[in-house]
């Protein structure tokens, strides 16, 4: 698309943020704080959807609180927790009521052994007693103590790494569902360096994952963090993560938000970049932050950064769906009422890839006398069922739920949310590709978000804030001496 020459009436912004998901909102928040601290920065966030928040999707129906996107966030990566506190939401934080979960083995629910971290046991006896793995599988995991570490620095898949260190059964039954499930990914394509670099670091430093976990547990002292006294590293907000989006929108300058408007083209000009909007308007920016998914970003960058665009197009995207089911409490087996969910390994060949027992995991998710479950479908290599319409998909999920969870009753509530080509796949070599993208971008352009350097909410928050700070530095604003909280 050709852009006409800029006129004097076209607005000029210091920074334009394309995309209003978590990354874009975090960037806008950082720029708003700089503005409130006295820096004369003029910014605009443009979001094509009719609402902000991206995949954060919270709604209520008949007393149920439904999350169709992420339902919590990791606190060991501090950026989002810091933002939540800065927004004055700390009193609304709640932790999971339980950290227990199940794994499916041969069509039956088996409690996950206590003390498992990323598929690696940190406690000896609970792991040995657990039926999650066969005795040959457990003995093969024990060989991790004697297998020498790999010496070269090349990236490898999560699947190859786990098979090499812990064995095939550990990958299929334990580590694969835990690690690849987070990313809706195929473990044999998922990059270890881009997703779980700490495991490679453990291998290099300690020569063994099990040895590294045991040493870390001894350093923690009593070891309660691996047992029933364990405090979950995850938190959420009492009224759902949609509350975070609302709080961010409330503190941003309303004049800096352009919601329901898409960017249709981006072109270079002498003052920076000209952006054509779906309304027919044209705006100009000195700095442009792309927080959109890789395919959308690739299309917009095609004319001004063709090499970066080409590499962005190579980031594969997977589709998934969330199917919410509400049941009467008396229709649900009591074993499901004291656990946070269940993981279904690929080898089980079910439609459902996992469940969150939402009303058991967090308070306030279902009215008294009812239970809320959330089933996950799809992901890389498991997308066949997504071709079904909503009615057929719900029925398929119910069939799995009867077999796996033992719930025979009809639900009192069903709800389906589809995420079409919305999950970036961090294939082996992903970080090299990201570095190439960043290296081939022209000055004044940044590409950040879930497709780049971390897909979780804390990583997206970090990327947005860092991109905003780099834009401020490039504009010559520097860092304000004091940043207000909200």
Protein backbone atom coordinates (compact mmCIF):
# COMPACT_ATOMS: atom_id res chain seq x y z
CA UNK A 1 0.00 0.00 0.00
CA UNK A 2 1.37 3.40 -0.99
CA UNK A 3 1.15 6.11 1.64
CA UNK A 4 0.55 9.67 0.57
CA UNK A 5 2.96 12.40 1.53
CA UNK A 6 2.60 13.73 5.07
CA UNK A 7 0.61 16.92 5.52
CA UNK A 8 0.83 19.49 8.30
CA UNK A 9 -2.48 18.25 9.79
CA UNK A 10 -1.30 14.72 10.48
CA UNK A 11 -0.60 14.06 14.17
CA UNK A 12 3.03 13.52 15.15
CA UNK A 13 3.77 11.19 18.07
CA UNK A 14 7.02 10.38 19.78
CA UNK A 15 6.02 6.73 20.16
CA UNK A 16 3.23 4.69 18.58
CA UNK A 17 2.51 1.26 20.05
CA UNK A 18 0.80 -1.19 17.71
CA UNK A 19 -1.15 -3.77 19.71
CA UNK A 20 -2.94 -3.54 23.05
CA UNK A 21 -2.20 -6.91 24.61
CA UNK A 22 -0.06 -7.26 27.73
CA UNK A 23 3.13 -6.16 25.98
CA UNK A 24 1.57 -3.07 24.46
CA UNK A 25 -0.20 -2.12 27.68
CA UNK A 26 3.03 -2.46 29.68
CA UNK A 27 4.83 -0.23 27.17
CA UNK A 28 2.05 2.36 27.32
CA UNK A 29 2.07 2.26 31.12
CA UNK A 30 5.81 2.95 31.18
CA UNK A 31 5.42 5.90 28.79
CA UNK A 32 2.51 7.24 30.84
CA UNK A 33 4.65 7.13 33.98
CA UNK A 34 7.38 9.04 32.15
CA UNK A 35 4.83 11.64 31.05
CA UNK A 36 3.52 12.02 34.60
CA UNK A 37 7.09 12.41 35.82
CA UNK A 38 7.44 15.46 33.62
CA UNK A 39 8.86 14.14 30.36
CA UNK A 40 7.08 15.67 27.35
CA UNK A 41 6.57 12.33 25.60
CA UNK A 42 3.55 12.00 23.31
CA UNK A 43 2.46 8.41 22.73
CA UNK A 44 -0.43 6.54 21.13
CA UNK A 45 -1.54 2.91 21.48
CA UNK A 46 -3.45 1.52 18.49
CA UNK A 47 -5.46 -1.70 18.96
CA UNK A 48 -7.48 -3.31 16.15
CA UNK A 49 -9.81 -5.25 18.46
CA UNK A 50 -12.76 -3.56 20.18
CA UNK A 51 -11.11 -4.05 23.58
CA UNK A 52 -7.68 -4.08 25.19
CA UNK A 53 -5.97 -7.04 26.81
CA UNK A 54 -5.25 -9.45 23.96
CA UNK A 55 -5.56 -13.01 25.24
CA UNK A 56 -6.52 -11.87 28.75
CA UNK A 57 -10.23 -12.63 28.58
CA UNK A 58 -12.28 -12.60 31.79
CA UNK A 59 -16.07 -12.69 31.91
CA UNK A 60 -18.84 -13.67 34.29
CA UNK A 61 -21.95 -15.72 33.59
CA UNK A 62 -24.57 -17.00 36.03
CA UNK A 63 -22.20 -16.54 38.97
CA UNK A 64 -19.24 -18.25 37.26
CA UNK A 65 -16.00 -16.31 36.69
CA UNK A 66 -14.49 -17.52 33.42
CA UNK A 67 -10.92 -17.03 32.21
CA UNK A 68 -10.44 -17.99 28.56
CA UNK A 69 -6.86 -16.74 28.40
CA UNK A 70 -4.20 -16.98 31.12
CA UNK A 71 -5.65 -17.51 34.60
CA UNK A 72 -2.55 -16.62 36.65
CA UNK A 73 1.01 -15.39 36.36
CA UNK A 74 4.44 -16.50 37.51
CA UNK A 75 5.95 -14.43 40.33
CA UNK A 76 9.52 -15.70 40.05
CA UNK A 77 9.79 -13.35 37.08
CA UNK A 78 9.01 -10.13 38.97
CA UNK A 79 7.98 -7.63 36.31
CA UNK A 80 4.23 -8.27 36.31
CA UNK A 81 4.01 -8.57 40.09
CA UNK A 82 5.81 -5.23 40.36
CA UNK A 83 3.32 -3.71 37.92
CA UNK A 84 0.35 -5.14 39.84
CA UNK A 85 1.67 -3.53 43.01
CA UNK A 86 2.30 -0.22 41.24
CA UNK A 87 -1.33 -0.24 40.10
CA UNK A 88 -2.52 -0.63 43.70
CA UNK A 89 -3.87 -4.15 43.17
CA UNK A 90 -1.77 -5.98 45.75
CA UNK A 91 -4.72 -6.47 48.12
CA UNK A 92 -6.57 -8.27 45.31
CA UNK A 93 -3.87 -10.92 44.80
CA UNK A 94 -4.79 -14.51 45.64
CA UNK A 95 -2.79 -17.73 45.49
CA UNK A 96 -3.98 -21.16 44.35
CA UNK A 97 -5.79 -23.07 47.06
CA UNK A 98 -3.91 -26.23 46.12
CA UNK A 99 -0.80 -27.19 44.17
CA UNK A 100 -1.87 -30.82 43.71
CA UNK A 101 -2.51 -31.97 40.16
CA UNK A 102 -3.04 -35.18 38.23
CA UNK A 103 -1.47 -36.85 35.23
CA UNK A 104 -3.40 -39.26 33.03
CA UNK A 105 -1.84 -42.71 32.65
CA UNK A 106 -3.58 -45.38 30.57
CA UNK A 107 -6.85 -43.46 30.76
CA UNK A 108 -6.84 -43.01 34.55
CA UNK A 109 -6.00 -40.09 36.81
CA UNK A 110 -2.78 -40.53 38.79
CA UNK A 111 -1.67 -37.93 41.37
CA UNK A 112 1.54 -36.22 40.32
CA UNK A 113 4.29 -37.05 42.83
CA UNK A 114 5.18 -34.30 45.27
CA UNK A 115 8.35 -32.40 44.55
CA UNK A 116 8.37 -32.55 40.74
CA UNK A 117 9.86 -29.45 39.12
CA UNK A 118 9.84 -29.29 35.30
CA UNK A 119 9.64 -33.06 35.22
CA UNK A 120 12.61 -33.59 37.56
CA UNK A 121 12.12 -35.12 41.04
CA UNK A 122 13.34 -33.09 44.00
CA UNK A 123 12.09 -35.64 46.56
CA UNK A 124 13.12 -39.28 46.39
CA UNK A 125 10.43 -41.34 48.14
CA UNK A 126 7.29 -39.66 46.69
CA UNK A 127 8.74 -40.17 43.23
CA UNK A 128 9.57 -43.85 43.84
CA UNK A 129 6.08 -44.55 45.24
CA UNK A 130 4.27 -42.81 42.37
CA UNK A 131 2.70 -44.93 39.60
CA UNK A 132 3.18 -42.12 37.05
CA UNK A 133 6.23 -43.94 35.63
CA UNK A 134 7.01 -47.64 35.39
CA UNK A 135 9.96 -49.04 37.35
CA UNK A 136 12.10 -49.24 34.19
CA UNK A 137 11.19 -45.61 33.49
CA UNK A 138 12.22 -44.59 37.01
CA UNK A 139 15.52 -46.44 36.74
CA UNK A 140 16.22 -44.79 33.40
CA UNK A 141 15.65 -41.38 35.01
CA UNK A 142 18.22 -42.33 37.64
CA UNK A 143 20.87 -42.68 34.94
CA UNK A 144 20.82 -38.88 34.74
CA UNK A 145 23.21 -39.00 37.70
CA UNK A 146 25.84 -40.73 35.53
CA UNK A 147 25.31 -39.39 31.99
CA UNK A 148 27.97 -36.78 31.17
CA UNK A 149 26.74 -33.32 30.13
CA UNK A 150 26.69 -32.28 26.52
CA UNK A 151 29.59 -29.93 25.89
CA UNK A 152 28.62 -27.98 22.78
CA UNK A 153 26.54 -24.81 22.95
CA UNK A 154 24.06 -25.60 20.16
CA UNK A 155 20.35 -25.35 20.90
CA UNK A 156 18.35 -28.57 21.04
CA UNK A 157 14.72 -29.51 21.40
CA UNK A 158 13.11 -30.07 24.79
CA UNK A 159 12.30 -33.59 23.58
CA UNK A 160 15.89 -34.44 22.68
CA UNK A 161 17.19 -32.97 25.93
CA UNK A 162 14.76 -34.83 28.19
CA UNK A 163 15.21 -38.12 26.35
CA UNK A 164 18.99 -37.74 26.62
CA UNK A 165 18.98 -36.94 30.34
CA UNK A 166 15.89 -38.69 31.73
CA UNK A 167 14.66 -41.15 29.10
CA UNK A 168 11.74 -41.60 26.72
CA UNK A 169 9.11 -42.48 29.32
CA UNK A 170 9.94 -39.42 31.42
CA UNK A 171 9.44 -37.29 28.33
CA UNK A 172 6.15 -38.89 27.31
CA UNK A 173 4.59 -39.18 30.76
CA UNK A 174 6.05 -36.40 32.89
CA UNK A 175 8.31 -33.70 31.46
CA UNK A 176 6.61 -33.46 28.06
CA UNK A 177 3.11 -32.70 29.39
CA UNK A 178 4.52 -30.28 31.97
CA UNK A 179 6.94 -28.37 29.75
CA UNK A 180 5.55 -28.52 26.23
CA UNK A 181 1.99 -28.08 27.49
CA UNK A 182 2.80 -24.57 28.72
CA UNK A 183 3.55 -23.52 25.14
CA UNK A 184 0.96 -25.68 23.30
CA UNK A 185 4.04 -27.13 21.61
CA UNK A 186 5.52 -30.34 20.27
CA UNK A 187 8.46 -31.10 22.58
CA UNK A 188 10.50 -32.40 19.65
CA UNK A 189 10.35 -28.96 18.02
CA UNK A 190 10.38 -26.75 21.11
CA UNK A 191 13.64 -24.87 21.76
CA UNK A 192 15.24 -25.61 25.12
CA UNK A 193 17.28 -22.39 25.15
CA UNK A 194 14.22 -20.23 24.41
CA UNK A 195 11.92 -21.85 26.97
CA UNK A 196 13.79 -23.66 29.76
CA UNK A 197 17.41 -22.44 29.68
CA UNK A 198 17.73 -23.15 33.40
CA UNK A 199 17.73 -26.88 32.67
CA UNK A 200 20.68 -26.58 30.32
CA UNK A 201 22.44 -24.45 32.94
CA UNK A 202 21.85 -27.16 35.55
CA UNK A 203 23.37 -29.76 33.27
CA UNK A 204 26.45 -27.61 32.62
CA UNK A 205 26.96 -26.64 36.26
CA UNK A 206 26.08 -29.84 38.10
CA UNK A 207 26.41 -32.52 35.42
CA UNK A 208 22.96 -33.87 36.34
CA UNK A 209 19.44 -32.44 36.63
CA UNK A 210 18.58 -34.61 39.62
CA UNK A 211 21.79 -33.65 41.41
CA UNK A 212 21.11 -29.97 40.72
CA UNK A 213 17.57 -30.24 42.12
CA UNK A 214 18.72 -32.08 45.24
CA UNK A 215 21.45 -29.53 45.92
CA UNK A 216 18.99 -26.68 45.48
CA UNK A 217 16.60 -28.37 47.90
CA UNK A 218 19.32 -28.80 50.53
CA UNK A 219 20.24 -25.12 50.17
CA UNK A 220 16.62 -24.19 50.87
CA UNK A 221 16.89 -25.95 54.20
CA UNK A 222 13.90 -27.91 55.38
CA UNK A 223 12.64 -28.65 51.88
CA UNK A 224 9.08 -27.56 52.58
CA UNK A 225 8.95 -25.79 49.22
CA UNK A 226 8.85 -29.14 47.46
CA UNK A 227 6.18 -30.68 49.67
CA UNK A 228 2.72 -29.94 50.94
CA UNK A 229 3.88 -26.71 52.54
CA UNK A 230 4.92 -25.41 49.14
CA UNK A 231 3.79 -21.93 48.26
CA UNK A 232 2.82 -21.74 44.63
CA UNK A 233 4.90 -19.37 42.49
CA UNK A 234 1.66 -18.38 40.73
CA UNK A 235 -0.80 -15.65 41.69
CA UNK A 236 -3.92 -14.15 40.18
CA UNK A 237 -6.44 -11.43 40.98
CA UNK A 238 -9.58 -12.16 42.97
CA UNK A 239 -11.86 -10.88 40.21
CA UNK A 240 -9.78 -12.32 37.36
CA UNK A 241 -6.95 -10.99 35.24
CA UNK A 242 -9.35 -8.78 33.32
CA UNK A 243 -9.09 -6.54 36.39
CA UNK A 244 -5.44 -5.92 35.48
CA UNK A 245 -6.43 -4.74 32.00
CA UNK A 246 -9.10 -2.44 33.43
CA UNK A 247 -6.62 -0.96 35.92
CA UNK A 248 -4.08 -0.30 33.18
CA UNK A 249 -6.68 1.31 30.95
CA UNK A 250 -7.80 3.51 33.85
CA UNK A 251 -4.32 4.97 34.41
CA UNK A 252 -3.53 5.58 30.73
CA UNK A 253 -4.36 8.88 29.07
CA UNK A 254 -7.68 8.26 27.21
CA UNK A 255 -6.40 10.45 24.38
CA UNK A 256 -3.50 8.02 23.95
CA UNK A 257 -5.76 5.03 23.20
CA UNK A 258 -7.13 4.29 19.73
CA UNK A 259 -9.23 1.14 20.17
CA UNK A 260 -11.00 -0.66 17.35
CA UNK A 261 -8.62 0.78 14.77
CA UNK A 262 -6.06 -1.21 12.77
CA UNK A 263 -2.76 -0.10 11.27
CA UNK A 264 -2.92 -0.99 7.58
CA UNK A 265 0.53 0.15 6.43
CA UNK A 266 3.80 1.60 7.71
CA UNK A 267 6.27 3.61 5.63
CA UNK A 268 9.46 5.56 6.27
CA UNK A 269 9.76 9.32 5.94
CA UNK A 270 12.19 11.99 7.04
CA UNK A 271 10.80 12.42 10.58
CA UNK A 272 10.38 8.74 11.34
CA UNK A 273 7.47 6.61 10.16
CA UNK A 274 4.03 7.21 8.69
CA UNK A 275 1.22 4.84 9.67
CA UNK A 276 -1.99 4.45 7.70
CA UNK A 277 -5.01 3.56 9.85
CA UNK A 278 -8.14 1.61 8.94
CA UNK A 279 -10.17 4.79 9.50
CA UNK A 280 -8.41 6.43 6.56
CA UNK A 281 -6.36 8.68 8.84
CA UNK A 282 -2.56 8.89 8.75
CA UNK A 283 -0.29 9.50 11.73
CA UNK A 284 3.46 9.94 12.12
CA UNK A 285 5.78 8.56 14.78
CA UNK A 286 9.45 8.89 15.62
CA UNK A 287 9.46 5.45 17.27
CA UNK A 288 7.15 2.51 16.53
CA UNK A 289 6.77 -0.47 18.88
CA UNK A 290 5.23 -3.56 17.28
CA UNK A 291 3.63 -5.83 19.88
CA UNK A 292 1.36 -7.66 17.44
CA UNK A 293 1.66 -11.41 16.64
CA UNK A 294 4.51 -12.33 14.27
CA UNK A 295 2.35 -12.79 11.13
CA UNK A 296 0.71 -9.36 11.53
CA UNK A 297 4.03 -7.69 12.31
CA UNK A 298 5.65 -9.38 9.30
CA UNK A 299 3.00 -7.98 6.94
CA UNK A 300 3.44 -4.44 8.23
CA UNK A 301 7.23 -4.60 8.05
CA UNK A 302 7.42 -6.03 4.54
CA UNK A 303 8.28 -2.75 2.83
CA UNK A 304 10.49 -1.12 5.47
CA UNK A 305 12.28 -4.19 6.89
CA UNK A 306 12.01 -7.04 4.36
CA UNK A 307 14.64 -9.26 6.00
CA UNK A 308 13.05 -8.98 9.44
CA UNK A 309 9.64 -9.58 7.85
CA UNK A 310 10.87 -12.76 6.20
CA UNK A 311 12.18 -14.17 9.49
CA UNK A 312 8.99 -13.20 11.34
CA UNK A 313 6.97 -15.13 8.76
CA UNK A 314 8.99 -18.24 9.70
CA UNK A 315 7.75 -18.22 13.31
CA UNK A 316 5.08 -20.89 13.24
CA UNK A 317 1.75 -20.32 14.99
CA UNK A 318 -0.44 -22.99 16.61
CA UNK A 319 -4.17 -22.93 17.23
CA UNK A 320 -5.95 -23.93 20.42
CA UNK A 321 -9.30 -23.70 22.15
CA UNK A 322 -10.58 -23.39 25.69
CA UNK A 323 -13.81 -25.21 26.59
CA UNK A 324 -15.36 -24.20 29.91
CA UNK A 325 -17.75 -26.60 31.67
CA UNK A 326 -19.87 -25.84 34.72
CA UNK A 327 -21.32 -28.72 36.77
CA UNK A 328 -23.34 -29.19 39.92
CA UNK A 329 -20.99 -30.05 42.74
CA UNK A 330 -22.74 -33.33 43.55
CA UNK A 331 -22.09 -34.52 39.98
CA UNK A 332 -18.30 -34.19 40.28
CA UNK A 333 -16.12 -36.90 41.92
CA UNK A 334 -14.67 -35.62 45.19
CA UNK A 335 -11.13 -36.39 44.01
CA UNK A 336 -11.37 -33.44 41.60
CA UNK A 337 -12.25 -30.99 44.36
CA UNK A 338 -8.80 -30.90 46.00
CA UNK A 339 -6.56 -30.52 42.93
CA UNK A 340 -5.80 -27.70 40.52
CA UNK A 341 -6.02 -29.70 37.30
CA UNK A 342 -4.85 -32.60 35.18
CA UNK A 343 -2.43 -33.03 32.29
CA UNK A 344 -3.13 -35.44 29.44
CA UNK A 345 0.05 -36.68 27.71
CA UNK A 346 0.11 -36.89 23.91
CA UNK A 347 0.63 -40.63 24.14
CA UNK A 348 -2.89 -40.96 25.61
CA UNK A 349 -4.33 -39.80 22.25
CA UNK A 350 -7.24 -37.83 23.69
CA UNK A 351 -8.84 -34.67 22.34
CA UNK A 352 -8.32 -32.81 25.63
CA UNK A 353 -4.70 -31.89 26.34
CA UNK A 354 -5.31 -30.83 29.92
CA UNK A 355 -7.77 -29.47 32.47
CA UNK A 356 -7.80 -26.69 35.00
CA UNK A 357 -10.17 -27.35 37.90
CA UNK A 358 -10.82 -23.63 38.08
CA UNK A 359 -13.11 -23.51 41.12
CA UNK A 360 -10.75 -25.75 43.10
CA UNK A 361 -7.66 -23.82 42.03
CA UNK A 362 -8.92 -20.32 42.89
CA UNK A 363 -11.66 -19.02 45.14
CA UNK A 364 -14.67 -17.26 43.68
CA UNK A 365 -14.74 -19.04 40.31
CA UNK A 366 -18.12 -20.77 40.76
CA UNK A 367 -21.27 -20.11 42.81
CA UNK A 368 -21.97 -22.22 45.87
CA UNK A 369 -22.87 -25.77 44.96
CA UNK A 370 -21.19 -25.69 41.55
CA UNK A 371 -17.82 -26.56 40.03
CA UNK A 372 -16.06 -24.91 37.09
CA UNK A 373 -13.67 -26.86 34.85
CA UNK A 374 -11.67 -25.66 31.89
CA UNK A 375 -10.54 -28.08 29.19
CA UNK A 376 -7.80 -27.32 26.68
CA UNK A 377 -7.80 -28.55 23.09
CA UNK A 378 -5.27 -28.13 20.29
CA UNK A 379 -1.67 -27.06 20.21
CA UNK A 380 1.08 -27.93 17.77
CA UNK A 381 0.37 -31.33 16.21
CA UNK A 382 -2.91 -31.76 18.12
CA UNK A 383 -5.20 -29.45 16.16
CA UNK A 384 -7.46 -31.96 14.36
CA UNK A 385 -10.42 -31.51 16.72
CA UNK A 386 -10.43 -27.75 16.12
CA UNK A 387 -12.04 -28.36 12.72
CA UNK A 388 -15.25 -29.31 14.58
CA UNK A 389 -17.92 -26.68 15.16
CA UNK A 390 -18.52 -25.54 18.74
CA UNK A 391 -21.33 -28.01 19.42
CA UNK A 392 -19.33 -30.99 18.19
CA UNK A 393 -16.19 -29.78 19.98
CA UNK A 394 -18.03 -29.51 23.30
CA UNK A 395 -19.42 -33.02 22.81
CA UNK A 396 -15.94 -34.39 22.09
CA UNK A 397 -14.61 -32.72 25.24
CA UNK A 398 -17.52 -34.13 27.26
CA UNK A 399 -16.76 -37.62 25.96
CA UNK A 400 -13.15 -37.27 27.12
CA UNK A 401 -14.29 -35.80 30.43
CA UNK A 402 -16.56 -38.76 31.13
CA UNK A 403 -13.75 -41.22 30.42
CA UNK A 404 -10.94 -39.36 32.16
CA UNK A 405 -12.64 -37.54 35.04
CA UNK A 406 -15.66 -39.75 35.62
CA UNK A 407 -18.20 -36.92 35.30
CA UNK A 408 -21.30 -38.47 33.74
CA UNK A 409 -23.76 -35.59 34.19
CA UNK A 410 -24.55 -32.91 31.63
CA UNK A 411 -22.97 -29.51 32.32
CA UNK A 412 -25.11 -26.59 33.40
CA UNK A 413 -22.81 -24.22 31.49
CA UNK A 414 -20.58 -24.52 28.42
CA UNK A 415 -18.48 -21.88 26.72
CA UNK A 416 -15.92 -22.08 23.92
CA UNK A 417 -13.09 -19.69 23.08
CA UNK A 418 -10.96 -20.37 20.02
CA UNK A 419 -7.46 -19.00 19.53
CA UNK A 420 -6.75 -19.33 15.81
CA UNK A 421 -3.02 -19.34 14.98
CA UNK A 422 -2.43 -17.41 18.20
CA UNK A 423 0.32 -19.41 19.95
CA UNK A 424 3.86 -18.62 18.70
CA UNK A 425 6.01 -21.73 18.46
CA UNK A 426 9.53 -21.38 19.82
CA UNK A 427 11.17 -23.91 17.52
CA UNK A 428 14.80 -24.95 17.90
CA UNK A 429 16.96 -21.97 16.93
CA UNK A 430 14.27 -19.47 17.95
CA UNK A 431 16.63 -17.13 19.81
CA UNK A 432 18.97 -16.99 16.80
CA UNK A 433 16.00 -16.05 14.62
CA UNK A 434 14.94 -13.36 17.09
CA UNK A 435 18.47 -11.94 17.15
CA UNK A 436 18.45 -11.79 13.34
CA UNK A 437 15.09 -10.01 13.36
CA UNK A 438 16.33 -7.45 15.87
CA UNK A 439 19.58 -6.94 13.97
CA UNK A 440 17.79 -6.24 10.67
CA UNK A 441 15.26 -3.72 12.00
CA UNK A 442 15.74 -0.07 11.00
CA UNK A 443 16.31 2.59 13.64
CA UNK A 444 13.14 3.62 15.43
CA UNK A 445 11.42 0.23 15.04
CA UNK A 446 11.12 -2.36 17.83
CA UNK A 447 9.44 -5.77 17.69
CA UNK A 448 8.50 -7.29 21.04
CA UNK A 449 5.86 -9.56 22.51
CA UNK A 450 4.88 -13.19 22.90
CA UNK A 451 6.46 -14.22 19.61
CA UNK A 452 9.91 -12.95 20.54
CA UNK A 453 11.56 -13.33 23.96
CA UNK A 454 9.00 -14.98 26.23
CA UNK A 455 5.32 -15.77 25.82
CA UNK A 456 4.12 -15.59 29.45
CA UNK A 457 2.57 -12.49 30.98
CA UNK A 458 5.66 -11.54 33.05
CA UNK A 459 7.92 -11.83 29.99
CA UNK A 460 5.51 -9.78 27.89
CA UNK A 461 5.39 -7.15 30.64
CA UNK A 462 9.19 -7.03 30.78
CA UNK A 463 9.50 -6.73 27.00
CA UNK A 464 6.97 -3.90 26.84
CA UNK A 465 8.58 -1.88 29.63
CA UNK A 466 12.08 -2.39 28.24
CA UNK A 467 10.98 -1.38 24.73
CA UNK A 468 9.39 1.79 26.10
CA UNK A 469 12.55 2.67 28.02
CA UNK A 470 14.70 2.13 24.93
CA UNK A 471 12.36 4.38 22.94
CA UNK A 472 12.62 7.10 25.59
CA UNK A 473 16.41 6.85 25.49
CA UNK A 474 16.47 7.01 21.69
CA UNK A 475 14.31 10.14 21.82
CA UNK A 476 16.79 11.73 24.20
CA UNK A 477 14.42 11.77 27.17
CA UNK A 478 16.56 9.46 29.27
CA UNK A 479 15.17 8.03 32.48
CA UNK A 480 13.12 10.28 34.80
CA UNK A 481 14.55 10.72 38.27
CA UNK A 482 11.31 9.65 39.90
CA UNK A 483 8.56 7.50 38.44
CA UNK A 484 5.07 7.69 39.99
CA UNK A 485 3.33 4.40 40.63
CA UNK A 486 0.02 5.01 38.88
